[in-house]
Amino acid sequence: MSWPGGTRALLLHNANARQGASALQPVRDRLEAGGIMVSVEPFENLPEIARDVARLHREADLVVVCGGDGSISSAAPAVIESGLPLGIIPAGTANDLARTLSIPLDFAAAADVIVVGNQRRIDVGMVNGHAFFNVASIGLSSELAQKLDPAIKKRFGRLGYAVAALRIVTGARRFRAKITEKGRTIKVGTYQIAIGNGRLYGGGNVVEEKAAIDDGSLDLYSLEMRNLWKLALMLGAFRSGTHGAWKEVRTAKCVEFDIETRAPMPINTDGEIVTATPAHFRVLPHAISVLAPQSGALPSHPFPLYHK
């Protein structure tokens, strides 16, 4: 499709991103050259994003988020409510959603994707009322999100993640949890439980080798090894999504999961701590329309579009 004359874009920009506001100029130039009028709205914290969309969506024909995966997920509920398509300018550290959708990491090229206007319907994961596109996790990843200094993250990007992850691993302990799926509950001792909606997470790891962001299901894995250092042997499997072949990794696929722990534990969704256990996870099939390249288009599935 092509945008009609007078199309209006609400461009939400993370004022605290590693890239400064000047990096938005190529985005504005490309969008305006494509006939899209741009209104820029900066935000400084995640709750502000949804409020901005709710307040301003009637003055726009599409919403564009320039930020990381956590920022994009924070916008999702308000964008779903608005019924507007979502454009993505990937400005985070991992940018897993952009990678899943083959959206270029270059700002100007990502803006060109928005100008072309090809739309894809994708699923949205929900946990305790909070949206996520990639993965929600309890355990190691949540500890990493809590202990990573924002200043280090902003300055060193993935290197900052690697240093913080090493510190987490050296002091990690297993925790007890109950996982309920289709009315059946199991008790586990685990280092991490992760539930994926999309395909990629953590800078290019694969949730499950057959996972897709429009398959109408969630993919769970639980790390139940005795010695966490065995993870070093599994790194290749996590990059390919074949980690479920290891006996120490429990996997499941479903549309809903419930997770309970002895004491409340924080939940990391797409890089941000947003809620805690006990947690109810569910998928909203084809809930949102995103602007993404047409090549390698996502296959259609027999799921109805989500409506509130």
C-alpha atoms as a PDB file:
ATOM      1  CA  MET A   1       0.000   0.000   0.000  1.00  0.00           C
ATOM      2  CA  SER A   2       1.010   3.648  -0.211  1.00  0.00           C
ATOM      3  CA  TRP A   3      -0.032   6.350   2.212  1.00  0.00           C
ATOM      4  CA  PRO A   4      -2.631   8.879   1.031  1.00  0.00           C
ATOM      5  CA  GLY A   5      -1.809  12.580   1.061  1.00  0.00           C
ATOM      6  CA  GLY A   6      -2.047  14.178   4.472  1.00  0.00           C
ATOM      7  CA  THR A   7      -1.137  11.024   6.416  1.00  0.00           C
ATOM      8  CA  ARG A   8      -0.057  11.916   9.957  1.00  0.00           C
ATOM      9  CA  ALA A   9       2.506  10.064  12.057  1.00  0.00           C
ATOM     10  CA  LEU A  10       2.887  10.385  15.825  1.00  0.00           C
ATOM     11  CA  LEU A  11       6.612   9.772  16.386  1.00  0.00           C
ATOM     12  CA  LEU A  12       7.463   8.842  19.987  1.00  0.00           C
ATOM     13  CA  HIS A  13      11.136   9.252  20.799  1.00  0.00           C
ATOM     14  CA  ASN A  14      13.046   8.046  23.859  1.00  0.00           C
ATOM     15  CA  ALA A  15      14.769  11.200  25.084  1.00  0.00           C
ATOM     16  CA  ASN A  16      17.221   9.070  27.111  1.00  0.00           C
ATOM     17  CA  ALA A  17      18.298   6.789  24.263  1.00  0.00           C
ATOM     18  CA  ARG A  18      21.961   6.320  23.388  1.00  0.00           C
ATOM     19  CA  GLN A  19      21.278   8.180  20.136  1.00  0.00           C
ATOM     20  CA  GLY A  20      20.497  11.838  20.653  1.00  0.00           C
ATOM     21  CA  ALA A  21      17.506  13.712  19.278  1.00  0.00           C
ATOM     22  CA  SER A  22      19.590  14.734  16.249  1.00  0.00           C
ATOM     23  CA  ALA A  23      19.464  11.099  15.084  1.00  0.00           C
ATOM     24  CA  LEU A  24      15.758  11.593  14.366  1.00  0.00           C
ATOM     25  CA  GLN A  25      16.379  13.997  11.504  1.00  0.00           C
ATOM     26  CA  PRO A  26      16.960  11.290   8.863  1.00  0.00           C
ATOM     27  CA  VAL A  27      13.736   9.622  10.042  1.00  0.00           C
ATOM     28  CA  ARG A  28      11.751  12.830   9.691  1.00  0.00           C
ATOM     29  CA  ASP A  29      13.323  13.545   6.312  1.00  0.00           C
ATOM     30  CA  ARG A  30      12.407  10.119   4.913  1.00  0.00           C
ATOM     31  CA  LEU A  31       8.869  10.137   6.304  1.00  0.00           C
ATOM     32  CA  GLU A  32       8.139  13.653   5.065  1.00  0.00           C
ATOM     33  CA  ALA A  33       9.629  12.850   1.656  1.00  0.00           C
ATOM     34  CA  GLY A  34       7.136   9.976   1.544  1.00  0.00           C
ATOM     35  CA  GLY A  35       4.226  12.343   2.135  1.00  0.00           C
ATOM     36  CA  ILE A  36       3.841  11.658   5.864  1.00  0.00           C
ATOM     37  CA  MET A  37       3.462  14.610   8.213  1.00  0.00           C
ATOM     38  CA  VAL A  38       5.405  14.016  11.441  1.00  0.00           C
ATOM     39  CA  SER A  39       4.626  15.126  14.980  1.00  0.00           C
ATOM     40  CA  VAL A  40       7.432  14.293  17.459  1.00  0.00           C
ATOM     41  CA  GLU A  41       6.608  13.544  21.092  1.00  0.00           C
ATOM     42  CA  PRO A  42       9.577  12.769  23.416  1.00  0.00           C
ATOM     43  CA  PHE A  43       9.171  10.516  26.450  1.00  0.00           C
ATOM     44  CA  GLU A  44      11.454   9.945  29.432  1.00  0.00           C
ATOM     45  CA  ASN A  45       9.884   6.886  31.069  1.00  0.00           C
ATOM     46  CA  LEU A  46       7.868   3.868  29.966  1.00  0.00           C
ATOM     47  CA  PRO A  47       4.458   4.733  31.490  1.00  0.00           C
ATOM     48  CA  GLU A  48       4.596   8.024  29.597  1.00  0.00           C
ATOM     49  CA  ILE A  49       4.472   6.205  26.247  1.00  0.00           C
ATOM     50  CA  ALA A  50       1.004   4.717  26.662  1.00  0.00           C
ATOM     51  CA  ARG A  51      -0.319   8.019  28.023  1.00  0.00           C
ATOM     52  CA  ASP A  52       1.036   9.863  24.993  1.00  0.00           C
ATOM     53  CA  VAL A  53      -0.577   7.409  22.556  1.00  0.00           C
ATOM     54  CA  ALA A  54      -3.909   7.567  24.392  1.00  0.00           C
ATOM     55  CA  ARG A  55      -3.789  11.379  24.433  1.00  0.00           C
ATOM     56  CA  LEU A  56      -2.652  11.996  20.859  1.00  0.00           C
ATOM     57  CA  HIS A  57      -3.756   9.043  18.695  1.00  0.00           C
ATOM     58  CA  ARG A  58      -6.828  10.850  17.334  1.00  0.00           C
ATOM     59  CA  GLU A  59      -4.466  13.325  15.680  1.00  0.00           C
ATOM     60  CA  ALA A  60      -2.523  10.562  13.891  1.00  0.00           C
ATOM     61  CA  ASP A  61      -2.958   7.863  11.274  1.00  0.00           C
ATOM     62  CA  LEU A  62      -0.046   5.752  12.498  1.00  0.00           C
ATOM     63  CA  VAL A  63       2.148   5.522  15.592  1.00  0.00           C
ATOM     64  CA  VAL A  64       5.931   5.295  15.269  1.00  0.00           C
ATOM     65  CA  VAL A  65       8.095   4.364  18.267  1.00  0.00           C
ATOM     66  CA  CYS A  66      11.791   5.191  18.211  1.00  0.00           C
ATOM     67  CA  GLY A  67      13.234   3.212  21.103  1.00  0.00           C
ATOM     68  CA  GLY A  68      14.228  -0.215  22.361  1.00  0.00           C
ATOM     69  CA  ASP A  69      12.144  -3.362  22.755  1.00  0.00           C
ATOM     70  CA  GLY A  70      10.884  -2.302  26.179  1.00  0.00           C
ATOM     71  CA  SER A  71       9.648   1.020  24.841  1.00  0.00           C
ATOM     72  CA  ILE A  72       7.854  -0.626  21.929  1.00  0.00           C
ATOM     73  CA  SER A  73       6.166  -3.149  24.219  1.00  0.00           C
ATOM     74  CA  SER A  74       5.074  -0.369  26.568  1.00  0.00           C
ATOM     75  CA  ALA A  75       3.288   1.301  23.656  1.00  0.00           C
ATOM     76  CA  ALA A  76       1.495  -1.863  22.547  1.00  0.00           C
ATOM     77  CA  PRO A  77      -1.689  -1.799  24.700  1.00  0.00           C
ATOM     78  CA  ALA A  78      -2.454   1.823  23.800  1.00  0.00           C
ATOM     79  CA  VAL A  79      -1.691   1.187  20.118  1.00  0.00           C
ATOM     80  CA  ILE A  80      -4.013  -1.844  20.119  1.00  0.00           C
ATOM     81  CA  GLU A  81      -6.722   0.302  21.701  1.00  0.00           C
ATOM     82  CA  SER A  82      -6.215   3.026  19.082  1.00  0.00           C
ATOM     83  CA  GLY A  83      -6.476   0.624  16.150  1.00  0.00           C
ATOM     84  CA  LEU A  84      -3.568   2.385  14.414  1.00  0.00           C
ATOM     85  CA  PRO A  85      -0.645   0.611  12.712  1.00  0.00           C
ATOM     86  CA  LEU A  86       2.727   0.655  14.499  1.00  0.00           C
ATOM     87  CA  GLY A  87       5.997   1.715  12.908  1.00  0.00           C
ATOM     88  CA  ILE A  88       9.334   0.824  14.522  1.00  0.00           C
ATOM     89  CA  ILE A  89      12.614   2.759  14.533  1.00  0.00           C
ATOM     90  CA  PRO A  90      14.936   0.388  16.453  1.00  0.00           C
ATOM     91  CA  ALA A  91      16.992   2.444  18.929  1.00  0.00           C
ATOM     92  CA  GLY A  92      17.695  -0.117  21.657  1.00  0.00           C
ATOM     93  CA  THR A  93      20.549  -2.419  22.580  1.00  0.00           C
ATOM     94  CA  ALA A  94      19.208  -5.747  21.287  1.00  0.00           C
ATOM     95  CA  ASN A  95      16.362  -4.685  18.939  1.00  0.00           C
ATOM     96  CA  ASP A  96      15.041  -8.242  18.839  1.00  0.00           C
ATOM     97  CA  LEU A  97      11.580  -7.307  17.567  1.00  0.00           C
ATOM     98  CA  ALA A  98      13.071  -5.395  14.640  1.00  0.00           C
ATOM     99  CA  ARG A  99      15.318  -8.364  13.853  1.00  0.00           C
ATOM    100  CA  THR A 100      12.374 -10.772  14.048  1.00  0.00           C
ATOM    101  CA  LEU A 101      10.446  -8.621  11.549  1.00  0.00           C
ATOM    102  CA  SER A 102      13.483  -7.944   9.297  1.00  0.00           C
ATOM    103  CA  ILE A 103      13.262  -4.203   9.975  1.00  0.00           C
ATOM    104  CA  PRO A 104      16.627  -2.542   9.236  1.00  0.00           C
ATOM    105  CA  LEU A 105      18.578  -1.258  12.232  1.00  0.00           C
ATOM    106  CA  ASP A 106      19.610   1.858  10.296  1.00  0.00           C
ATOM    107  CA  PHE A 107      17.210   4.680  11.178  1.00  0.00           C
ATOM    108  CA  ALA A 108      16.735   6.000   7.652  1.00  0.00           C
ATOM    109  CA  ALA A 109      16.202   2.509   6.207  1.00  0.00           C
ATOM    110  CA  ALA A 110      13.676   1.711   8.961  1.00  0.00           C
ATOM    111  CA  ALA A 111      11.823   4.918   8.066  1.00  0.00           C
ATOM    112  CA  ASP A 112      11.724   3.800   4.429  1.00  0.00           C
ATOM    113  CA  VAL A 113       9.924   0.626   5.558  1.00  0.00           C
ATOM    114  CA  ILE A 114       7.257   2.814   7.173  1.00  0.00           C
ATOM    115  CA  VAL A 115       6.896   4.885   4.015  1.00  0.00           C
ATOM    116  CA  VAL A 116       6.309   1.743   1.910  1.00  0.00           C
ATOM    117  CA  GLY A 117       3.428   0.961   4.269  1.00  0.00           C
ATOM    118  CA  ASN A 118       3.342  -2.854   4.190  1.00  0.00           C
ATOM    119  CA  GLN A 119       1.408  -4.081   7.236  1.00  0.00           C
ATOM    120  CA  ARG A 120       1.656  -7.407   9.070  1.00  0.00           C
ATOM    121  CA  ARG A 121      -0.552  -8.690  11.855  1.00  0.00           C
ATOM    122  CA  ILE A 122       1.444 -10.160  14.744  1.00  0.00           C
ATOM    123  CA  ASP A 123       0.733 -11.613  18.191  1.00  0.00           C
ATOM    124  CA  VAL A 124       1.190  -9.818  21.495  1.00  0.00           C
ATOM    125  CA  GLY A 125       2.062 -11.624  24.722  1.00  0.00           C
ATOM    126  CA  MET A 126       0.490 -10.461  27.987  1.00  0.00           C
ATOM    127  CA  VAL A 127       1.554 -11.053  31.587  1.00  0.00           C
ATOM    128  CA  ASN A 128      -0.548  -9.627  34.414  1.00  0.00           C
ATOM    129  CA  GLY A 129      -1.896  -7.029  31.998  1.00  0.00           C
ATOM    130  CA  HIS A 130       1.528  -5.975  30.629  1.00  0.00           C
ATOM    131  CA  ALA A 131       2.414  -6.509  26.963  1.00  0.00           C
ATOM    132  CA  PHE A 132       5.540  -8.082  25.511  1.00  0.00           C
ATOM    133  CA  PHE A 133       6.593  -8.906  21.972  1.00  0.00           C
ATOM    134  CA  ASN A 134       9.692 -11.050  22.491  1.00  0.00           C
ATOM    135  CA  VAL A 135      10.004 -12.794  25.859  1.00  0.00           C
ATOM    136  CA  ALA A 136       9.042 -12.521  29.517  1.00  0.00           C
ATOM    137  CA  SER A 137      11.301 -14.209  32.055  1.00  0.00           C
ATOM    138  CA  ILE A 138      11.691 -14.994  35.745  1.00  0.00           C
ATOM    139  CA  GLY A 139      15.102 -15.650  37.278  1.00  0.00           C
ATOM    140  CA  LEU A 140      18.446 -14.914  35.610  1.00  0.00           C
ATOM    141  CA  SER A 141      17.239 -12.371  33.054  1.00  0.00           C
ATOM    142  CA  SER A 142      15.219 -10.492  35.652  1.00  0.00           C
ATOM    143  CA  GLU A 143      18.248 -10.275  37.928  1.00  0.00           C
ATOM    144  CA  LEU A 144      20.249  -8.939  34.996  1.00  0.00           C
ATOM    145  CA  ALA A 145      17.627  -6.291  34.211  1.00  0.00           C
ATOM    146  CA  GLN A 146      17.578  -5.207  37.862  1.00  0.00           C
ATOM    147  CA  LYS A 147      21.333  -5.036  38.366  1.00  0.00           C
ATOM    148  CA  LEU A 148      22.403  -3.511  35.044  1.00  0.00           C
ATOM    149  CA  ASP A 149      23.259   0.123  35.678  1.00  0.00           C
ATOM    150  CA  PRO A 150      21.330   2.271  33.140  1.00  0.00           C
ATOM    151  CA  ALA A 151      24.422   4.448  32.682  1.00  0.00           C
ATOM    152  CA  ILE A 152      26.524   1.387  31.815  1.00  0.00           C
ATOM    153  CA  LYS A 153      23.813   0.146  29.446  1.00  0.00           C
ATOM    154  CA  LYS A 154      23.649   3.520  27.698  1.00  0.00           C
ATOM    155  CA  ARG A 155      27.416   3.851  27.363  1.00  0.00           C
ATOM    156  CA  PHE A 156      28.553   0.293  26.607  1.00  0.00           C
ATOM    157  CA  GLY A 157      25.461  -1.405  25.124  1.00  0.00           C
ATOM    158  CA  ARG A 158      25.925  -5.176  24.736  1.00  0.00           C
ATOM    159  CA  LEU A 159      29.324  -5.131  26.469  1.00  0.00           C
ATOM    160  CA  GLY A 160      27.600  -3.782  29.572  1.00  0.00           C
ATOM    161  CA  TYR A 161      25.131  -6.660  29.402  1.00  0.00           C
ATOM    162  CA  ALA A 162      27.958  -9.212  29.148  1.00  0.00           C
ATOM    163  CA  VAL A 163      29.783  -7.895  32.222  1.00  0.00           C
ATOM    164  CA  ALA A 164      26.592  -7.794  34.293  1.00  0.00           C
ATOM    165  CA  ALA A 165      25.591 -11.299  33.122  1.00  0.00           C
ATOM    166  CA  LEU A 166      28.904 -12.757  34.306  1.00  0.00           C
ATOM    167  CA  ARG A 167      28.302 -11.327  37.756  1.00  0.00           C
ATOM    168  CA  ILE A 168      24.783 -12.771  37.877  1.00  0.00           C
ATOM    169  CA  VAL A 169      25.882 -16.269  36.839  1.00  0.00           C
ATOM    170  CA  THR A 170      28.569 -16.530  39.493  1.00  0.00           C
ATOM    171  CA  GLY A 171      26.048 -15.953  42.283  1.00  0.00           C
ATOM    172  CA  ALA A 172      22.893 -17.562  40.847  1.00  0.00           C
ATOM    173  CA  ARG A 173      20.726 -19.992  42.828  1.00  0.00           C
ATOM    174  CA  ARG A 174      17.818 -22.183  41.751  1.00  0.00           C
ATOM    175  CA  PHE A 175      14.294 -21.282  42.836  1.00  0.00           C
ATOM    176  CA  ARG A 176      11.102 -23.299  43.261  1.00  0.00           C
ATOM    177  CA  ALA A 177       8.121 -22.642  41.000  1.00  0.00           C
ATOM    178  CA  LYS A 178       4.777 -24.106  39.952  1.00  0.00           C
ATOM    179  CA  ILE A 179       3.934 -24.099  36.243  1.00  0.00           C
ATOM    180  CA  THR A 180       0.292 -24.598  35.251  1.00  0.00           C
ATOM    181  CA  GLU A 181      -0.614 -25.425  31.660  1.00  0.00           C
ATOM    182  CA  LYS A 182      -4.028 -26.657  30.466  1.00  0.00           C
ATOM    183  CA  GLY A 183      -5.102 -27.286  34.068  1.00  0.00           C
ATOM    184  CA  ARG A 184      -2.034 -29.416  34.883  1.00  0.00           C
ATOM    185  CA  THR A 185       0.457 -28.153  37.484  1.00  0.00           C
ATOM    186  CA  ILE A 186       4.084 -29.244  37.858  1.00  0.00           C
ATOM    187  CA  LYS A 187       6.662 -28.228  40.474  1.00  0.00           C
ATOM    188  CA  VAL A 188      10.170 -27.372  39.286  1.00  0.00           C
ATOM    189  CA  GLY A 189      13.528 -26.259  40.610  1.00  0.00           C
ATOM    190  CA  THR A 190      14.945 -23.859  38.038  1.00  0.00           C
ATOM    191  CA  TYR A 191      17.339 -21.001  37.355  1.00  0.00           C
ATOM    192  CA  GLN A 192      15.026 -19.340  34.855  1.00  0.00           C
ATOM    193  CA  ILE A 193      11.583 -19.648  33.317  1.00  0.00           C
ATOM    194  CA  ALA A 194      11.148 -17.817  30.024  1.00  0.00           C
ATOM    195  CA  ILE A 195       7.954 -17.481  28.001  1.00  0.00           C
ATOM    196  CA  GLY A 196       8.325 -16.269  24.443  1.00  0.00           C
ATOM    197  CA  ASN A 197       5.787 -14.645  22.156  1.00  0.00           C
ATOM    198  CA  GLY A 198       8.131 -13.858  19.281  1.00  0.00           C
ATOM    199  CA  ARG A 199      11.177 -15.625  17.896  1.00  0.00           C
ATOM    200  CA  LEU A 200      14.265 -13.703  19.026  1.00  0.00           C
ATOM    201  CA  TYR A 201      15.322 -12.405  22.446  1.00  0.00           C
ATOM    202  CA  GLY A 202      18.469 -11.428  24.302  1.00  0.00           C
ATOM    203  CA  GLY A 203      20.278 -10.077  21.254  1.00  0.00           C
ATOM    204  CA  GLY A 204      19.626 -12.941  18.855  1.00  0.00           C
ATOM    205  CA  ASN A 205      18.838 -16.051  20.907  1.00  0.00           C
ATOM    206  CA  VAL A 206      15.925 -18.091  19.526  1.00  0.00           C
ATOM    207  CA  VAL A 207      12.992 -18.859  21.840  1.00  0.00           C
ATOM    208  CA  GLU A 208      12.249 -22.145  20.057  1.00  0.00           C
ATOM    209  CA  GLU A 209      13.368 -23.249  16.621  1.00  0.00           C
ATOM    210  CA  LYS A 210       9.813 -23.292  15.190  1.00  0.00           C
ATOM    211  CA  ALA A 211       8.541 -20.236  17.081  1.00  0.00           C
ATOM    212  CA  ALA A 212       6.964 -17.394  15.122  1.00  0.00           C
ATOM    213  CA  ILE A 213       5.523 -14.070  16.179  1.00  0.00           C
ATOM    214  CA  ASP A 214       2.224 -14.812  14.456  1.00  0.00           C
ATOM    215  CA  ASP A 215       1.655 -18.475  15.398  1.00  0.00           C
ATOM    216  CA  GLY A 216      -0.959 -17.754  18.080  1.00  0.00           C
ATOM    217  CA  SER A 217       0.975 -19.481  20.866  1.00  0.00           C
ATOM    218  CA  LEU A 218       3.553 -18.951  23.613  1.00  0.00           C
ATOM    219  CA  ASP A 219       6.754 -20.993  24.014  1.00  0.00           C
ATOM    220  CA  LEU A 220       8.045 -21.776  27.518  1.00  0.00           C
ATOM    221  CA  TYR A 221      11.392 -23.092  28.645  1.00  0.00           C
ATOM    222  CA  SER A 222      12.729 -23.754  32.143  1.00  0.00           C
ATOM    223  CA  LEU A 223      16.444 -24.185  32.988  1.00  0.00           C
ATOM    224  CA  GLU A 224      16.539 -27.089  35.434  1.00  0.00           C
ATOM    225  CA  MET A 225      20.217 -28.143  35.399  1.00  0.00           C
ATOM    226  CA  ARG A 226      22.104 -28.661  38.663  1.00  0.00           C
ATOM    227  CA  ASN A 227      25.220 -26.812  37.538  1.00  0.00           C
ATOM    228  CA  LEU A 228      24.617 -23.471  35.843  1.00  0.00           C
ATOM    229  CA  TRP A 229      28.026 -23.551  34.205  1.00  0.00           C
ATOM    230  CA  LYS A 230      26.620 -26.179  31.852  1.00  0.00           C
ATOM    231  CA  LEU A 231      24.991 -23.225  30.099  1.00  0.00           C
ATOM    232  CA  ALA A 232      28.350 -22.629  28.424  1.00  0.00           C
ATOM    233  CA  LEU A 233      27.896 -25.912  26.537  1.00  0.00           C
ATOM    234  CA  MET A 234      24.373 -24.920  25.519  1.00  0.00           C
ATOM    235  CA  LEU A 235      25.105 -21.523  24.000  1.00  0.00           C
ATOM    236  CA  GLY A 236      24.959 -22.801  20.434  1.00  0.00           C
ATOM    237  CA  ALA A 237      21.614 -24.493  21.104  1.00  0.00           C
ATOM    238  CA  PHE A 238      20.122 -21.263  22.459  1.00  0.00           C
ATOM    239  CA  ARG A 239      21.260 -19.392  19.361  1.00  0.00           C
ATOM    240  CA  SER A 240      19.482 -21.930  17.131  1.00  0.00           C
ATOM    241  CA  GLY A 241      16.460 -22.575  19.372  1.00  0.00           C
ATOM    242  CA  THR A 242      17.276 -26.274  19.847  1.00  0.00           C
ATOM    243  CA  HIS A 243      17.926 -26.046  23.615  1.00  0.00           C
ATOM    244  CA  GLY A 244      14.788 -28.131  24.241  1.00  0.00           C
ATOM    245  CA  ALA A 245      16.780 -31.178  23.133  1.00  0.00           C
ATOM    246  CA  TRP A 246      18.805 -30.982  26.374  1.00  0.00           C
ATOM    247  CA  LYS A 247      17.289 -33.014  29.208  1.00  0.00           C
ATOM    248  CA  GLU A 248      17.941 -30.151  31.644  1.00  0.00           C
ATOM    249  CA  VAL A 249      15.644 -27.818  29.690  1.00  0.00           C
ATOM    250  CA  ARG A 250      11.881 -28.218  30.050  1.00  0.00           C
ATOM    251  CA  THR A 251       9.815 -26.847  27.148  1.00  0.00           C
ATOM    252  CA  ALA A 252       6.104 -26.348  26.461  1.00  0.00           C
ATOM    253  CA  LYS A 253       3.860 -24.592  23.923  1.00  0.00           C
ATOM    254  CA  CYS A 254       0.443 -23.236  24.883  1.00  0.00           C
ATOM    255  CA  VAL A 255      -1.804 -20.151  24.702  1.00  0.00           C
ATOM    256  CA  GLU A 256      -1.826 -19.605  28.484  1.00  0.00           C
ATOM    257  CA  PHE A 257       0.495 -20.332  31.423  1.00  0.00           C
ATOM    258  CA  ASP A 258       0.347 -19.613  35.142  1.00  0.00           C
ATOM    259  CA  ILE A 259       3.552 -19.327  37.183  1.00  0.00           C
ATOM    260  CA  GLU A 260       3.713 -19.279  40.980  1.00  0.00           C
ATOM    261  CA  THR A 261       6.781 -18.946  43.223  1.00  0.00           C
ATOM    262  CA  ARG A 262       7.175 -19.206  47.007  1.00  0.00           C
ATOM    263  CA  ALA A 263       7.770 -15.461  47.289  1.00  0.00           C
ATOM    264  CA  PRO A 264       7.015 -12.809  44.655  1.00  0.00           C
ATOM    265  CA  MET A 265       9.716 -12.678  41.984  1.00  0.00           C
ATOM    266  CA  PRO A 266      10.176  -9.880  39.428  1.00  0.00           C
ATOM    267  CA  ILE A 267       9.319 -10.497  35.783  1.00  0.00           C
ATOM    268  CA  ASN A 268      11.414  -9.058  32.980  1.00  0.00           C
ATOM    269  CA  THR A 269       9.450  -8.316  29.785  1.00  0.00           C
ATOM    270  CA  ASP A 270      11.551  -7.297  26.775  1.00  0.00           C
ATOM    271  CA  GLY A 271      14.309  -5.926  29.011  1.00  0.00           C
ATOM    272  CA  GLU A 272      12.172  -4.120  31.605  1.00  0.00           C
ATOM    273  CA  ILE A 273      10.871  -5.187  35.031  1.00  0.00           C
ATOM    274  CA  VAL A 274       7.121  -4.569  34.913  1.00  0.00           C
ATOM    275  CA  THR A 275       5.397  -7.019  37.281  1.00  0.00           C
ATOM    276  CA  ALA A 276       5.988  -9.995  39.604  1.00  0.00           C
ATOM    277  CA  THR A 277       4.772 -13.509  40.339  1.00  0.00           C
ATOM    278  CA  PRO A 278       2.217 -14.955  40.676  1.00  0.00           C
ATOM    279  CA  ALA A 279       1.770 -14.422  36.959  1.00  0.00           C
ATOM    280  CA  HIS A 280      -0.782 -15.233  34.297  1.00  0.00           C
ATOM    281  CA  PHE A 281       0.556 -15.332  30.736  1.00  0.00           C
ATOM    282  CA  ARG A 282      -1.606 -15.355  27.620  1.00  0.00           C
ATOM    283  CA  VAL A 283      -1.295 -14.572  23.926  1.00  0.00           C
ATOM    284  CA  LEU A 284      -3.409 -12.157  21.895  1.00  0.00           C
ATOM    285  CA  PRO A 285      -3.317 -13.618  18.354  1.00  0.00           C
ATOM    286  CA  HIS A 286      -2.807 -11.102  15.528  1.00  0.00           C
ATOM    287  CA  ALA A 287      -3.535  -8.272  17.954  1.00  0.00           C
ATOM    288  CA  ILE A 288      -1.547  -5.493  16.326  1.00  0.00           C
ATOM    289  CA  SER A 289      -0.586  -4.342  12.832  1.00  0.00           C
ATOM    290  CA  VAL A 290       3.081  -3.456  12.365  1.00  0.00           C
ATOM    291  CA  LEU A 291       4.840  -1.853   9.410  1.00  0.00           C
ATOM    292  CA  ALA A 292       7.492  -4.288   8.221  1.00  0.00           C
ATOM    293  CA  PRO A 293       9.219  -5.396   5.006  1.00  0.00           C
ATOM    294  CA  GLN A 294       7.214  -7.503   2.601  1.00  0.00           C
ATOM    295  CA  SER A 295      10.055  -9.887   1.779  1.00  0.00           C
ATOM    296  CA  GLY A 296       9.799 -13.071   3.827  1.00  0.00           C
ATOM    297  CA  ALA A 297       6.230 -12.125   4.693  1.00  0.00           C
ATOM    298  CA  LEU A 298       4.734 -13.881   7.676  1.00  0.00           C
ATOM    299  CA  PRO A 299       2.314 -16.669   6.744  1.00  0.00           C
ATOM    300  CA  SER A 300      -1.356 -16.276   7.543  1.00  0.00           C
ATOM    301  CA  HIS A 301      -2.886 -18.327  10.351  1.00  0.00           C
ATOM    302  CA  PRO A 302      -6.524 -19.163  11.157  1.00  0.00           C
ATOM    303  CA  PHE A 303      -6.700 -16.909  14.218  1.00  0.00           C
ATOM    304  CA  PRO A 304      -9.186 -14.029  14.485  1.00  0.00           C
ATOM    305  CA  LEU A 305      -7.848 -10.540  14.957  1.00  0.00           C
ATOM    306  CA  TYR A 306      -7.939  -9.554  18.609  1.00  0.00           C
ATOM    307  CA  HIS A 307     -10.595  -7.070  19.673  1.00  0.00           C
ATOM    308  CA  LYS A 308     -11.145  -5.678  23.151  1.00  0.00           C
END
